[in-house]
Protein backbone atom coordinates (compact mmCIF):
# COMPACT_ATOMS: atom_id res chain seq x y z
CA MET A 1 0.21 -0.16 0.08
CA ALA A 2 1.73 3.26 -0.87
CA VAL A 3 0.45 7.00 -2.18
CA ILE A 4 2.25 9.21 -4.25
CA VAL A 5 2.12 12.92 -3.89
CA HIS A 6 2.42 14.35 -6.98
CA ALA A 7 4.45 17.64 -7.14
CA ASN A 8 1.50 20.06 -7.88
CA GLU A 9 -0.04 17.92 -5.28
CA ASN A 10 -1.61 19.04 -2.04
CA ILE A 11 -0.22 17.24 1.42
CA ASP A 12 -3.62 16.86 3.12
CA SER A 13 -5.40 15.44 -0.07
CA ALA A 14 -2.65 12.79 -0.28
CA LEU A 15 -3.39 11.90 3.18
CA LYS A 16 -7.13 11.48 2.13
CA ARG A 17 -6.12 9.01 -0.34
CA LEU A 18 -4.33 7.35 1.98
CA HIS A 19 -6.65 7.28 4.51
CA ARG A 20 -9.21 6.00 1.97
CA GLU A 21 -7.08 3.29 0.92
CA VAL A 22 -7.02 1.82 4.46
CA MET A 23 -10.32 1.98 5.17
CA ARG A 24 -11.20 0.09 1.73
CA GLU A 25 -8.28 -3.08 2.63
CA ARG A 26 -9.17 -2.66 6.16
CA ILE A 27 -5.78 -2.65 7.88
CA LEU A 28 -6.58 -0.86 10.95
CA GLU A 29 -9.72 -3.66 11.79
CA THR A 30 -7.22 -6.47 10.90
CA SER A 31 -4.70 -5.86 13.04
CA ARG A 32 -6.55 -4.70 15.77
CA GLU A 33 -8.54 -8.49 15.25
CA ARG A 34 -5.18 -9.84 15.46
CA ALA A 35 -3.64 -7.79 18.25
CA TYR A 36 -5.97 -9.55 20.93
CA ARG A 37 -7.75 -12.57 20.78
CA ILE A 38 -11.46 -11.98 20.53
CA LYS A 39 -13.73 -15.09 22.39
CA LYS A 40 -16.44 -16.74 19.56
CA SER A 41 -19.49 -15.01 22.03
CA ASP A 42 -17.82 -11.55 21.64
CA LEU A 43 -17.64 -11.97 17.93
CA GLU A 44 -21.67 -13.10 17.74
CA ILE A 45 -22.72 -10.18 19.91
CA GLN A 46 -21.00 -7.83 17.88
CA LYS A 47 -22.40 -9.32 15.23
CA ARG A 48 -26.19 -9.33 16.68
CA ARG A 49 -25.96 -5.61 17.89
CA GLU A 50 -25.13 -4.77 13.78
CA TYR A 51 -28.08 -6.47 12.81
CA ALA A 52 -30.25 -4.42 15.35
CA LYS A 53 -29.10 -1.39 14.45
CA MET A 54 -29.51 -2.29 10.68
CA LYS A 55 -33.00 -3.61 11.65
CA ARG A 56 -33.78 0.15 13.35
CA ARG A 57 -32.68 1.84 10.48
CA ARG A 58 -34.64 0.08 8.34
CA ARG A 59 -37.79 0.03 10.53
CA THR A 60 -36.93 3.99 10.82
CA ALA A 61 -36.69 4.89 7.05
CA ALA A 62 -39.45 2.70 5.91
CA ARG A 63 -41.85 4.47 8.40
CA ARG A 64 -40.60 8.22 7.01
CA ALA A 65 -41.05 6.71 3.55
CA LYS A 66 -44.84 6.37 4.19
């Protein structure tokens, strides 16, 4: 993973490109996952929370669409 900064490019825009690439490749998430042992039950709880959040958002969107 690398970002080449062009001669006429602002450093902030290059950093934004680098950040987008890091987020796209999920580098931070994988490093966090590998740094500590995560129990299977904790993963299941996390998945359940994410699905509940999506369900709430869908329901509110459906109510607003009516």
